């Protein structure tokens, strides 16, 4: 694939995302303010925190993102600060509590709706600043929107692709570009 704009991050993102083509997206869940999308065959690992199901690849997104289909946005990063409980006070609910946010509810609904037939990555397009659009079967798209400019005194991570439970290097994209970092 050719990246829109062809900037310095595009080629690295394309190389990083290429292994996802043909793999199913079978789970999306959040850990604090990061969302992990699990791709590929489901397997169980024990990483010292107990056994958990993971995919061959995990895409951990820290920047703005959305999951959408032809009907609209299915879940998006902005859902994190909306309570799942319609009676909760939006100003005081604790978004850090697992299951408390609209995002948790939307991700759970997405995952449950695709248990029998998870969407499969058909293609993707990377842009010049570390963003991308992954096109899945069923008209579903996952898009990321890096939303921080480079600052000399702070580095911001946009996303990382890793193989859970393996010591392989992680591919990390951020204000610093795209680089390999030591694995787990």
Foldseek 3Di string as FASTA:
>chain_A
DQAAVNAQQFVVLCVVCVVQAFWFFQAWADQQLKIKTATADWDWDCPPVGIDIGHQKIKIFNAWKFKAFPVGTLATSVQLQAFPDPPDDSVDDDSNPQPGTPRNVSRVVLNVVCNVPGWGFNDKHHYNQGWIWTATPPRMIMTFDHDDADDPVDKDWGMWMDRPPDQFWIFTATNVHTDTHTGD
